[in-house]
PDB file of N, CA and C in Angstrom:
ATOM      1  N   MET A   1      17.526 -33.246  22.009  1.00  0.00           N
ATOM      2  CA  MET A   1      18.055 -32.372  20.917  1.00  0.00           C
ATOM      3  C   MET A   1      17.580 -32.621  19.417  1.00  0.00           C
ATOM      4  N   LYS A   2      17.518 -33.892  19.496  1.00  0.00           N
ATOM      5  CA  LYS A   2      17.054 -34.420  17.931  1.00  0.00           C
ATOM      6  C   LYS A   2      15.672 -34.112  18.029  1.00  0.00           C
ATOM      7  N   LYS A   3      15.008 -34.024  18.917  1.00  0.00           N
ATOM      8  CA  LYS A   3      13.638 -33.961  18.777  1.00  0.00           C
ATOM      9  C   LYS A   3      13.186 -32.273  18.344  1.00  0.00           C
ATOM     10  N   PHE A   4      13.959 -31.496  19.063  1.00  0.00           N
ATOM     11  CA  PHE A   4      14.162 -30.046  18.665  1.00  0.00           C
ATOM     12  C   PHE A   4      14.383 -29.724  17.296  1.00  0.00           C
ATOM     13  N   VAL A   5      15.336 -30.433  16.791  1.00  0.00           N
ATOM     14  CA  VAL A   5      15.903 -30.363  15.283  1.00  0.00           C
ATOM     15  C   VAL A   5      14.807 -30.712  14.429  1.00  0.00           C
ATOM     16  N   LYS A   6      13.893 -31.830  14.489  1.00  0.00           N
ATOM     17  CA  LYS A   6      13.273 -32.150  13.918  1.00  0.00           C
ATOM     18  C   LYS A   6      11.977 -31.472  13.966  1.00  0.00           C
ATOM     19  N   ARG A   7      11.605 -30.953  15.029  1.00  0.00           N
ATOM     20  CA  ARG A   7      10.366 -30.101  14.948  1.00  0.00           C
ATOM     21  C   ARG A   7      10.914 -28.613  14.294  1.00  0.00           C
ATOM     22  N   ALA A   8      11.827 -27.989  14.421  1.00  0.00           N
ATOM     23  CA  ALA A   8      12.121 -26.997  13.788  1.00  0.00           C
ATOM     24  C   ALA A   8      12.233 -27.134  12.222  1.00  0.00           C
ATOM     25  N   LEU A   9      12.826 -28.390  11.755  1.00  0.00           N
ATOM     26  CA  LEU A   9      12.757 -28.735  10.296  1.00  0.00           C
ATOM     27  C   LEU A   9      11.247 -28.869   9.941  1.00  0.00           C
ATOM     28  N   GLY A  10      10.361 -29.301  10.827  1.00  0.00           N
ATOM     29  CA  GLY A  10       9.229 -29.645  10.126  1.00  0.00           C
ATOM     30  C   GLY A  10       8.575 -28.332  10.280  1.00  0.00           C
ATOM     31  N   MET A  11       8.708 -27.322  11.177  1.00  0.00           N
ATOM     32  CA  MET A  11       8.007 -26.115  11.341  1.00  0.00           C
ATOM     33  C   MET A  11       8.657 -25.131   9.935  1.00  0.00           C
ATOM     34  N   GLY A  12       9.932 -25.536   9.816  1.00  0.00           N
ATOM     35  CA  GLY A  12      10.359 -24.596   8.791  1.00  0.00           C
ATOM     36  C   GLY A  12       9.617 -24.875   7.196  1.00  0.00           C
ATOM     37  N   ALA A  13       9.628 -26.529   7.037  1.00  0.00           N
ATOM     38  CA  ALA A  13       8.952 -27.130   5.840  1.00  0.00           C
ATOM     39  C   ALA A  13       7.755 -26.270   5.461  1.00  0.00           C
ATOM     40  N   VAL A  14       7.126 -26.407   6.581  1.00  0.00           N
ATOM     41  CA  VAL A  14       5.411 -26.024   6.650  1.00  0.00           C
ATOM     42  C   VAL A  14       5.296 -24.653   6.367  1.00  0.00           C
ATOM     43  N   ALA A  15       6.346 -23.750   6.847  1.00  0.00           N
ATOM     44  CA  ALA A  15       6.545 -22.280   6.695  1.00  0.00           C
ATOM     45  C   ALA A  15       6.690 -21.831   5.143  1.00  0.00           C
ATOM     46  N   TYR A  16       7.527 -22.860   4.739  1.00  0.00           N
ATOM     47  CA  TYR A  16       8.060 -22.884   3.607  1.00  0.00           C
ATOM     48  C   TYR A  16       6.912 -23.159   2.553  1.00  0.00           C
ATOM     49  N   ALA A  17       6.244 -24.333   2.414  1.00  0.00           N
ATOM     50  CA  ALA A  17       5.167 -24.608   1.999  1.00  0.00           C
ATOM     51  C   ALA A  17       3.962 -23.461   1.776  1.00  0.00           C
ATOM     52  N   ALA A  18       3.881 -22.904   2.797  1.00  0.00           N
ATOM     53  CA  ALA A  18       2.711 -21.932   2.891  1.00  0.00           C
ATOM     54  C   ALA A  18       3.019 -20.560   2.244  1.00  0.00           C
ATOM     55  N   LEU A  19       4.628 -20.034   2.249  1.00  0.00           N
ATOM     56  CA  LEU A  19       5.222 -19.150   1.401  1.00  0.00           C
ATOM     57  C   LEU A  19       5.133 -19.269   0.099  1.00  0.00           C
ATOM     58  N   PHE A  20       5.336 -20.542  -0.356  1.00  0.00           N
ATOM     59  CA  PHE A  20       5.470 -20.938  -1.860  1.00  0.00           C
ATOM     60  C   PHE A  20       4.065 -20.911  -2.289  1.00  0.00           C
ATOM     61  N   ALA A  21       3.000 -21.286  -1.494  1.00  0.00           N
ATOM     62  CA  ALA A  21       1.627 -21.274  -2.151  1.00  0.00           C
ATOM     63  C   ALA A  21       1.077 -19.765  -2.124  1.00  0.00           C
ATOM     64  N   VAL A  22       1.529 -19.057  -1.140  1.00  0.00           N
ATOM     65  CA  VAL A  22       1.063 -17.496  -1.443  1.00  0.00           C
ATOM     66  C   VAL A  22       1.755 -17.002  -2.420  1.00  0.00           C
ATOM     67  N   PHE A  23       2.899 -17.615  -2.734  1.00  0.00           N
ATOM     68  CA  PHE A  23       3.722 -17.003  -3.885  1.00  0.00           C
ATOM     69  C   PHE A  23       3.144 -17.332  -5.145  1.00  0.00           C
ATOM     70  N   PHE A  24       2.799 -18.813  -5.331  1.00  0.00           N
ATOM     71  CA  PHE A  24       2.221 -19.262  -6.569  1.00  0.00           C
ATOM     72  C   PHE A  24       1.130 -19.020  -7.026  1.00  0.00           C
ATOM     73  N   PHE A  25       0.148 -18.947  -5.896  1.00  0.00           N
ATOM     74  CA  PHE A  25      -1.119 -18.405  -6.409  1.00  0.00           C
ATOM     75  C   PHE A  25      -1.249 -16.974  -6.468  1.00  0.00           C
ATOM     76  N   ASP A  26      -0.403 -16.226  -6.288  1.00  0.00           N
ATOM     77  CA  ASP A  26      -0.398 -14.901  -5.642  1.00  0.00           C
ATOM     78  C   ASP A  26      -1.527 -14.297  -5.043  1.00  0.00           C
ATOM     79  N   LEU A  27      -1.375 -14.995  -3.753  1.00  0.00           N
ATOM     80  CA  LEU A  27      -2.568 -14.783  -2.838  1.00  0.00           C
ATOM     81  C   LEU A  27      -2.571 -13.440  -2.142  1.00  0.00           C
ATOM     82  N   ASP A  28      -1.036 -12.938  -2.488  1.00  0.00           N
ATOM     83  CA  ASP A  28      -1.207 -11.443  -1.667  1.00  0.00           C
ATOM     84  C   ASP A  28      -1.570 -10.433  -2.543  1.00  0.00           C
ATOM     85  N   GLY A  29      -1.321 -10.682  -3.740  1.00  0.00           N
ATOM     86  CA  GLY A  29      -2.103  -9.501  -4.944  1.00  0.00           C
ATOM     87  C   GLY A  29      -3.294  -9.661  -4.904  1.00  0.00           C
ATOM     88  N   LYS A  30      -4.060 -10.826  -4.808  1.00  0.00           N
ATOM     89  CA  LYS A  30      -5.609 -10.958  -4.718  1.00  0.00           C
ATOM     90  C   LYS A  30      -6.036 -10.289  -3.455  1.00  0.00           C
ATOM     91  N   PHE A  31      -5.322 -10.547  -2.589  1.00  0.00           N
ATOM     92  CA  PHE A  31      -5.863  -9.922  -1.328  1.00  0.00           C
ATOM     93  C   PHE A  31      -5.912  -8.800  -1.231  1.00  0.00           C
ATOM     94  N   LEU A  32      -4.683  -7.863  -1.696  1.00  0.00           N
ATOM     95  CA  LEU A  32      -4.758  -6.278  -2.310  1.00  0.00           C
ATOM     96  C   LEU A  32      -5.934  -5.954  -2.987  1.00  0.00           C
ATOM     97  N   PHE A  33      -6.092  -6.320  -4.155  1.00  0.00           N
ATOM     98  CA  PHE A  33      -6.831  -6.148  -4.976  1.00  0.00           C
ATOM     99  C   PHE A  33      -8.528  -6.566  -4.649  1.00  0.00           C
ATOM    100  N   ASN A  34      -8.832  -7.513  -4.118  1.00  0.00           N
ATOM    101  CA  ASN A  34     -10.171  -7.714  -3.836  1.00  0.00           C
ATOM    102  C   ASN A  34     -10.441  -7.293  -2.260  1.00  0.00           C
ATOM    103  N   VAL A  35      -9.616  -7.185  -1.485  1.00  0.00           N
ATOM    104  CA  VAL A  35      -9.971  -6.840  -0.074  1.00  0.00           C
ATOM    105  C   VAL A  35      -9.651  -5.226   0.336  1.00  0.00           C
ATOM    106  N   PHE A  36      -8.328  -5.156   0.604  1.00  0.00           N
ATOM    107  CA  PHE A  36      -7.546  -3.993   0.859  1.00  0.00           C
ATOM    108  C   PHE A  36      -7.796  -2.948  -0.036  1.00  0.00           C
ATOM    109  N   GLU A  37      -7.829  -2.841  -1.440  1.00  0.00           N
ATOM    110  CA  GLU A  37      -7.896  -1.651  -2.111  1.00  0.00           C
ATOM    111  C   GLU A  37      -9.503  -1.244  -2.246  1.00  0.00           C
ATOM    112  N   PRO A  38     -10.438  -1.887  -2.438  1.00  0.00           N
ATOM    113  CA  PRO A  38     -11.794  -1.565  -2.350  1.00  0.00           C
ATOM    114  C   PRO A  38     -12.292  -0.836  -0.826  1.00  0.00           C
ATOM    115  N   PHE A  39     -11.301  -1.320   0.292  1.00  0.00           N
ATOM    116  CA  PHE A  39     -11.475  -0.532   1.522  1.00  0.00           C
ATOM    117  C   PHE A  39     -10.911   0.762   1.627  1.00  0.00           C
ATOM    118  N   VAL A  40      -9.594   0.624   1.160  1.00  0.00           N
ATOM    119  CA  VAL A  40      -9.072   1.829   1.219  1.00  0.00           C
ATOM    120  C   VAL A  40      -9.566   3.000   0.041  1.00  0.00           C
ATOM    121  N   LYS A  41     -10.185   2.738  -1.051  1.00  0.00           N
ATOM    122  CA  LYS A  41     -10.510   3.485  -2.113  1.00  0.00           C
ATOM    123  C   LYS A  41     -11.819   3.971  -1.737  1.00  0.00           C
ATOM    124  N   ASN A  42     -12.980   3.135  -0.914  1.00  0.00           N
ATOM    125  CA  ASN A  42     -13.829   3.626  -0.245  1.00  0.00           C
ATOM    126  C   ASN A  42     -13.785   4.864   0.614  1.00  0.00           C
ATOM    127  N   HIS A  43     -12.696   4.365   1.742  1.00  0.00           N
ATOM    128  CA  HIS A  43     -12.155   5.652   2.531  1.00  0.00           C
ATOM    129  C   HIS A  43     -11.858   6.911   2.029  1.00  0.00           C
ATOM    130  N   TYR A  44     -10.983   6.961   0.817  1.00  0.00           N
ATOM    131  CA  TYR A  44     -10.373   8.077   0.382  1.00  0.00           C
ATOM    132  C   TYR A  44     -11.348   8.847  -0.626  1.00  0.00           C
ATOM    133  N   ASP A  45     -12.393   8.129  -1.277  1.00  0.00           N
ATOM    134  CA  ASP A  45     -13.568   8.723  -1.993  1.00  0.00           C
ATOM    135  C   ASP A  45     -14.347   9.540  -1.259  1.00  0.00           C
ATOM    136  N   ASN A  46     -14.280   9.036   0.160  1.00  0.00           N
ATOM    137  CA  ASN A  46     -15.380  10.014   0.883  1.00  0.00           C
ATOM    138  C   ASN A  46     -14.767  10.954   1.897  1.00  0.00           C
ATOM    139  N   MET A  47     -13.485  11.124   1.553  1.00  0.00           N
ATOM    140  CA  MET A  47     -12.846  12.480   2.178  1.00  0.00           C
ATOM    141  C   MET A  47     -13.193  13.701   1.738  1.00  0.00           C
ATOM    142  N   GLU A  48     -13.644  14.677   2.524  1.00  0.00           N
ATOM    143  CA  GLU A  48     -14.039  15.951   2.524  1.00  0.00           C
ATOM    144  C   GLU A  48     -12.614  16.505   1.760  1.00  0.00           C
ATOM    145  N   ARG A  49     -12.917  17.247   0.600  1.00  0.00           N
ATOM    146  CA  ARG A  49     -11.693  18.015  -0.255  1.00  0.00           C
ATOM    147  C   ARG A  49     -12.406  19.238  -0.634  1.00  0.00           C
ATOM    148  N   LYS A  50     -11.364  20.323  -0.582  1.00  0.00           N
ATOM    149  CA  LYS A  50     -11.560  21.207  -1.325  1.00  0.00           C
ATOM    150  C   LYS A  50     -12.039  21.302  -2.543  1.00  0.00           C
ATOM    151  N   ASP A  51     -13.096  22.581  -2.838  1.00  0.00           N
ATOM    152  CA  ASP A  51     -13.503  22.380  -4.234  1.00  0.00           C
ATOM    153  C   ASP A  51     -12.599  23.257  -4.951  1.00  0.00           C
ATOM    154  N   MET A  52     -11.800  22.924  -6.174  1.00  0.00           N
ATOM    155  CA  MET A  52     -10.984  23.858  -6.623  1.00  0.00           C
ATOM    156  C   MET A  52     -11.769  24.742  -7.667  1.00  0.00           C
ATOM    157  N   LEU A  53     -12.736  24.236  -8.144  1.00  0.00           N
ATOM    158  CA  LEU A  53     -13.591  24.909  -9.178  1.00  0.00           C
ATOM    159  C   LEU A  53     -14.142  26.352  -8.423  1.00  0.00           C
ATOM    160  N   LYS A  54     -14.328  26.062  -6.789  1.00  0.00           N
ATOM    161  CA  LYS A  54     -14.918  27.384  -6.484  1.00  0.00           C
ATOM    162  C   LYS A  54     -13.974  28.534  -6.032  1.00  0.00           C
ATOM    163  N   MET A  55     -12.825  28.349  -6.456  1.00  0.00           N
ATOM    164  CA  MET A  55     -11.718  29.202  -6.055  1.00  0.00           C
ATOM    165  C   MET A  55     -11.401  30.130  -6.959  1.00  0.00           C
ATOM    166  N   PRO A  56     -11.275  31.457  -6.432  1.00  0.00           N
ATOM    167  CA  PRO A  56     -11.284  32.600  -7.508  1.00  0.00           C
ATOM    168  C   PRO A  56      -9.824  32.571  -8.141  1.00  0.00           C
ATOM    169  N   TYR A  57     -10.042  32.732  -9.449  1.00  0.00           N
ATOM    170  CA  TYR A  57      -8.633  32.579 -10.431  1.00  0.00           C
ATOM    171  C   TYR A  57      -8.360  34.338 -10.695  1.00  0.00           C
ATOM    172  N   ASP A  58      -7.154  34.643 -10.674  1.00  0.00           N
ATOM    173  CA  ASP A  58      -6.827  35.956 -10.659  1.00  0.00           C
ATOM    174  C   ASP A  58      -5.553  35.978 -11.646  1.00  0.00           C
ATOM    175  N   MET A  59      -5.934  36.467 -12.685  1.00  0.00           N
ATOM    176  CA  MET A  59      -4.902  36.598 -13.933  1.00  0.00           C
ATOM    177  C   MET A  59      -3.455  37.367 -13.558  1.00  0.00           C
ATOM    178  N   ASP A  60      -3.613  38.476 -12.380  1.00  0.00           N
ATOM    179  CA  ASP A  60      -2.620  39.088 -12.440  1.00  0.00           C
ATOM    180  C   ASP A  60      -1.882  38.836 -11.249  1.00  0.00           C
ATOM    181  N   LYS A  61      -2.065  37.521 -10.249  1.00  0.00           N
ATOM    182  CA  LYS A  61      -1.303  36.989  -9.292  1.00  0.00           C
ATOM    183  C   LYS A  61      -0.889  35.771  -9.382  1.00  0.00           C
ATOM    184  N   PHE A  62       0.380  36.196  -9.788  1.00  0.00           N
ATOM    185  CA  PHE A  62       1.571  34.829  -9.775  1.00  0.00           C
ATOM    186  C   PHE A  62       2.436  34.651  -8.837  1.00  0.00           C
ATOM    187  N   PRO A  63       2.948  33.351  -8.668  1.00  0.00           N
ATOM    188  CA  PRO A  63       3.564  33.030  -7.507  1.00  0.00           C
ATOM    189  C   PRO A  63       5.021  33.515  -7.652  1.00  0.00           C
ATOM    190  N   ALA A  64       5.693  33.854  -6.838  1.00  0.00           N
ATOM    191  CA  ALA A  64       6.879  34.753  -6.833  1.00  0.00           C
ATOM    192  C   ALA A  64       8.194  33.188  -7.080  1.00  0.00           C
ATOM    193  N   TYR A  65       8.599  33.158  -8.392  1.00  0.00           N
ATOM    194  CA  TYR A  65       9.638  31.686  -8.493  1.00  0.00           C
ATOM    195  C   TYR A  65      11.058  32.749  -8.438  1.00  0.00           C
ATOM    196  N   LYS A  66      11.324  32.761  -7.239  1.00  0.00           N
ATOM    197  CA  LYS A  66      12.742  33.269  -6.810  1.00  0.00           C
ATOM    198  C   LYS A  66      13.441  32.412  -6.134  1.00  0.00           C
ATOM    199  N   TYR A  67      14.852  32.458  -6.378  1.00  0.00           N
ATOM    200  CA  TYR A  67      15.615  31.059  -5.697  1.00  0.00           C
ATOM    201  C   TYR A  67      16.830  31.796  -4.888  1.00  0.00           C
ATOM    202  N   ASP A  68      17.176  31.307  -3.808  1.00  0.00           N
ATOM    203  CA  ASP A  68      17.956  32.102  -2.795  1.00  0.00           C
ATOM    204  C   ASP A  68      19.284  31.804  -3.418  1.00  0.00           C
ATOM    205  N   GLU A  69      20.136  32.848  -3.511  1.00  0.00           N
ATOM    206  CA  GLU A  69      21.508  32.270  -4.338  1.00  0.00           C
ATOM    207  C   GLU A  69      22.499  32.016  -3.051  1.00  0.00           C
ATOM    208  N   VAL A  70      23.152  31.198  -2.770  1.00  0.00           N
ATOM    209  CA  VAL A  70      24.049  30.516  -1.834  1.00  0.00           C
ATOM    210  C   VAL A  70      25.488  31.332  -1.858  1.00  0.00           C
TER     211      VAL A  70
END
């Protein structure tokens, strides 16, 4: 039982030190900024989108802004 407690405390200390290093050096933010964001940005910049400049613009057609009364 003593060996298990020592091993659990040792693993907890290692995990605590690793999490503290991630926090202290802001490794999660650096990962998001340098790795994840460029990947996601590249993905979403290459998506096909509807060209809003080619849509017709009708001056006399407005959406109906009516609310249902309860």
